[in-house]
Amino acid sequence: MKTLSTISSVILFAITLTIHAGDNNTPSSNSTSIIQGSIADGVSGESLAGVMIKIEGTNQIAFTDFDGNYQFASVKPGVYSIIATMVSYAPTASYFVVKSSASKSVNIKMHNLSK
């Protein structure tokens, strides 16, 4: 029974490789994108400096500048979420899709916990 399961797994893997081998829409592993955006207060709209932004599932972290802007370079195609955190504000998540060699803008509004 274990042999049948192993053979089935190998066949399924081979079929998957065959299907994707001819797929021209599969992004190259070398193609990356730039993710950029701004972080602002959800009520006042004021830009927030010093917010930490992390792309979940990666080791990429950025901080907003004095104007609330941030940027990540070399993000591979895929589906991601970013988490923005700052003292006195609720952590805020945003989900997005990165396509091959395309810039993506992800703006976030955060809500102050002390108000």
C-alpha atoms as a PDB file:
ATOM      1  CA  MET A   1       0.000   0.000   0.000  1.00  0.00           C
ATOM      2  CA  LYS A   2       2.859   2.363   0.851  1.00  0.00           C
ATOM      3  CA  THR A   3       4.450   1.653  -2.547  1.00  0.00           C
ATOM      4  CA  LEU A   4       1.211   2.566  -4.337  1.00  0.00           C
ATOM      5  CA  SER A   5       1.050   5.843  -2.423  1.00  0.00           C
ATOM      6  CA  THR A   6       4.670   6.658  -3.333  1.00  0.00           C
ATOM      7  CA  ILE A   7       4.086   5.852  -7.011  1.00  0.00           C
ATOM      8  CA  SER A   8       0.945   8.022  -7.032  1.00  0.00           C
ATOM      9  CA  SER A   9       2.887  10.919  -5.510  1.00  0.00           C
ATOM     10  CA  VAL A  10       5.660  10.621  -8.105  1.00  0.00           C
ATOM     11  CA  ILE A  11       3.142  10.540 -10.975  1.00  0.00           C
ATOM     12  CA  LEU A  12       1.278  13.573  -9.602  1.00  0.00           C
ATOM     13  CA  PHE A  13       4.571  15.453  -9.236  1.00  0.00           C
ATOM     14  CA  ALA A  14       5.565  14.587 -12.832  1.00  0.00           C
ATOM     15  CA  ILE A  15       2.193  15.767 -14.165  1.00  0.00           C
ATOM     16  CA  THR A  16       2.514  19.045 -12.247  1.00  0.00           C
ATOM     17  CA  LEU A  17       5.997  19.638 -13.672  1.00  0.00           C
ATOM     18  CA  THR A  18       4.772  18.897 -17.195  1.00  0.00           C
ATOM     19  CA  ILE A  19       1.881  21.333 -16.886  1.00  0.00           C
ATOM     20  CA  HIS A  20       4.062  24.159 -15.540  1.00  0.00           C
ATOM     21  CA  ALA A  21       6.932  23.535 -17.974  1.00  0.00           C
ATOM     22  CA  GLY A  22       4.875  24.961 -20.835  1.00  0.00           C
ATOM     23  CA  ASP A  23       3.307  27.765 -18.821  1.00  0.00           C
ATOM     24  CA  ASN A  24       4.671  31.080 -20.088  1.00  0.00           C
ATOM     25  CA  ASN A  25       2.778  32.991 -17.398  1.00  0.00           C
ATOM     26  CA  THR A  26       4.914  31.525 -14.621  1.00  0.00           C
ATOM     27  CA  PRO A  27       7.162  34.390 -13.433  1.00  0.00           C
ATOM     28  CA  SER A  28      10.901  33.987 -13.568  1.00  0.00           C
ATOM     29  CA  SER A  29      12.487  33.432 -10.186  1.00  0.00           C
ATOM     30  CA  ASN A  30      14.778  36.372 -10.980  1.00  0.00           C
ATOM     31  CA  SER A  31      11.973  38.886 -11.639  1.00  0.00           C
ATOM     32  CA  THR A  32      11.238  41.146  -8.700  1.00  0.00           C
ATOM     33  CA  SER A  33       9.079  44.152  -7.964  1.00  0.00           C
ATOM     34  CA  ILE A  34       9.180  47.297  -5.865  1.00  0.00           C
ATOM     35  CA  ILE A  35       6.552  47.740  -3.160  1.00  0.00           C
ATOM     36  CA  GLN A  36       6.094  51.284  -1.933  1.00  0.00           C
ATOM     37  CA  GLY A  37       3.485  53.298  -0.144  1.00  0.00           C
ATOM     38  CA  SER A  38       2.665  55.600   2.710  1.00  0.00           C
ATOM     39  CA  ILE A  39       1.310  55.207   6.219  1.00  0.00           C
ATOM     40  CA  ALA A  40      -1.070  57.775   7.711  1.00  0.00           C
ATOM     41  CA  ASP A  41      -3.300  58.290  10.736  1.00  0.00           C
ATOM     42  CA  GLY A  42      -6.753  56.924   9.913  1.00  0.00           C
ATOM     43  CA  VAL A  43      -8.584  59.903  11.427  1.00  0.00           C
ATOM     44  CA  SER A  44      -6.426  62.977  10.771  1.00  0.00           C
ATOM     45  CA  GLY A  45      -4.727  61.724   7.604  1.00  0.00           C
ATOM     46  CA  GLU A  46      -1.402  62.929   9.014  1.00  0.00           C
ATOM     47  CA  SER A  47       1.652  61.028   7.753  1.00  0.00           C
ATOM     48  CA  LEU A  48       3.270  58.757  10.337  1.00  0.00           C
ATOM     49  CA  ALA A  49       7.064  58.639  10.618  1.00  0.00           C
ATOM     50  CA  GLY A  50       8.892  55.693  12.184  1.00  0.00           C
ATOM     51  CA  VAL A  51       6.274  53.021  11.477  1.00  0.00           C
ATOM     52  CA  MET A  52       7.760  49.535  11.126  1.00  0.00           C
ATOM     53  CA  ILE A  53       6.451  47.589   8.123  1.00  0.00           C
ATOM     54  CA  LYS A  54       7.152  43.863   7.722  1.00  0.00           C
ATOM     55  CA  ILE A  55       6.301  41.640   4.779  1.00  0.00           C
ATOM     56  CA  GLU A  56       4.958  38.498   6.452  1.00  0.00           C
ATOM     57  CA  GLY A  57       6.751  35.291   5.534  1.00  0.00           C
ATOM     58  CA  THR A  58       9.960  37.127   4.619  1.00  0.00           C
ATOM     59  CA  ASN A  59      12.780  38.812   6.512  1.00  0.00           C
ATOM     60  CA  GLN A  60      12.062  42.169   4.838  1.00  0.00           C
ATOM     61  CA  ILE A  61      11.427  45.109   7.168  1.00  0.00           C
ATOM     62  CA  ALA A  62      11.217  48.829   6.385  1.00  0.00           C
ATOM     63  CA  PHE A  63      10.510  51.995   8.348  1.00  0.00           C
ATOM     64  CA  THR A  64       8.591  55.030   7.172  1.00  0.00           C
ATOM     65  CA  ASP A  65      10.530  58.252   6.613  1.00  0.00           C
ATOM     66  CA  PHE A  66       9.504  61.684   7.944  1.00  0.00           C
ATOM     67  CA  ASP A  67       6.805  61.920   5.259  1.00  0.00           C
ATOM     68  CA  GLY A  68       5.321  58.491   6.100  1.00  0.00           C
ATOM     69  CA  ASN A  69       6.734  56.822   2.966  1.00  0.00           C
ATOM     70  CA  TYR A  70       8.373  53.398   2.751  1.00  0.00           C
ATOM     71  CA  GLN A  71       9.780  51.142   0.057  1.00  0.00           C
ATOM     72  CA  PHE A  72      10.768  47.497  -0.406  1.00  0.00           C
ATOM     73  CA  ALA A  73      12.961  46.502  -3.340  1.00  0.00           C
ATOM     74  CA  SER A  74      13.377  43.002  -4.778  1.00  0.00           C
ATOM     75  CA  VAL A  75      10.028  41.481  -3.792  1.00  0.00           C
ATOM     76  CA  LYS A  76       9.364  38.252  -5.682  1.00  0.00           C
ATOM     77  CA  PRO A  77       5.964  37.662  -7.318  1.00  0.00           C
ATOM     78  CA  GLY A  78       3.366  36.207  -4.981  1.00  0.00           C
ATOM     79  CA  VAL A  79       0.588  36.955  -2.515  1.00  0.00           C
ATOM     80  CA  TYR A  80       1.705  38.802   0.601  1.00  0.00           C
ATOM     81  CA  SER A  81       0.498  40.626   3.664  1.00  0.00           C
ATOM     82  CA  ILE A  82       2.306  43.471   5.328  1.00  0.00           C
ATOM     83  CA  ILE A  83       1.932  44.407   8.953  1.00  0.00           C
ATOM     84  CA  ALA A  84       2.435  48.022  10.054  1.00  0.00           C
ATOM     85  CA  THR A  85       3.208  48.589  13.740  1.00  0.00           C
ATOM     86  CA  MET A  86       3.854  51.703  15.818  1.00  0.00           C
ATOM     87  CA  VAL A  87       3.591  52.577  19.498  1.00  0.00           C
ATOM     88  CA  SER A  88       0.079  53.836  20.403  1.00  0.00           C
ATOM     89  CA  TYR A  89      -1.419  52.504  17.151  1.00  0.00           C
ATOM     90  CA  ALA A  90      -3.238  49.249  16.432  1.00  0.00           C
ATOM     91  CA  PRO A  91      -1.167  46.886  14.256  1.00  0.00           C
ATOM     92  CA  THR A  92      -2.605  47.058  10.755  1.00  0.00           C
ATOM     93  CA  ALA A  93      -2.418  44.440   7.998  1.00  0.00           C
ATOM     94  CA  SER A  94      -2.829  44.849   4.265  1.00  0.00           C
ATOM     95  CA  TYR A  95      -2.912  42.059   1.673  1.00  0.00           C
ATOM     96  CA  PHE A  96      -1.674  42.414  -1.903  1.00  0.00           C
ATOM     97  CA  VAL A  97      -0.494  40.532  -4.977  1.00  0.00           C
ATOM     98  CA  VAL A  98       2.908  41.152  -6.554  1.00  0.00           C
ATOM     99  CA  LYS A  99       3.185  40.514 -10.272  1.00  0.00           C
ATOM    100  CA  SER A 100       6.417  40.042 -12.171  1.00  0.00           C
ATOM    101  CA  SER A 101       8.519  43.208 -12.567  1.00  0.00           C
ATOM    102  CA  ALA A 102       5.717  45.604 -11.600  1.00  0.00           C
ATOM    103  CA  SER A 103       5.698  48.329  -8.977  1.00  0.00           C
ATOM    104  CA  LYS A 104       2.946  48.119  -6.390  1.00  0.00           C
ATOM    105  CA  SER A 105       1.651  50.895  -4.139  1.00  0.00           C
ATOM    106  CA  VAL A 106       0.224  49.853  -0.756  1.00  0.00           C
ATOM    107  CA  ASN A 107      -1.042  52.716   1.421  1.00  0.00           C
ATOM    108  CA  ILE A 108      -2.198  52.061   4.982  1.00  0.00           C
ATOM    109  CA  LYS A 109      -4.342  54.015   7.455  1.00  0.00           C
ATOM    110  CA  MET A 110      -3.590  53.233  11.111  1.00  0.00           C
ATOM    111  CA  HIS A 111      -5.839  53.870  14.100  1.00  0.00           C
ATOM    112  CA  ASN A 112      -4.553  55.470  17.285  1.00  0.00           C
ATOM    113  CA  LEU A 113      -5.366  53.405  20.380  1.00  0.00           C
ATOM    114  CA  SER A 114      -5.233  56.393  22.761  1.00  0.00           C
ATOM    115  CA  LYS A 115      -8.107  58.271  21.105  1.00  0.00           C
END
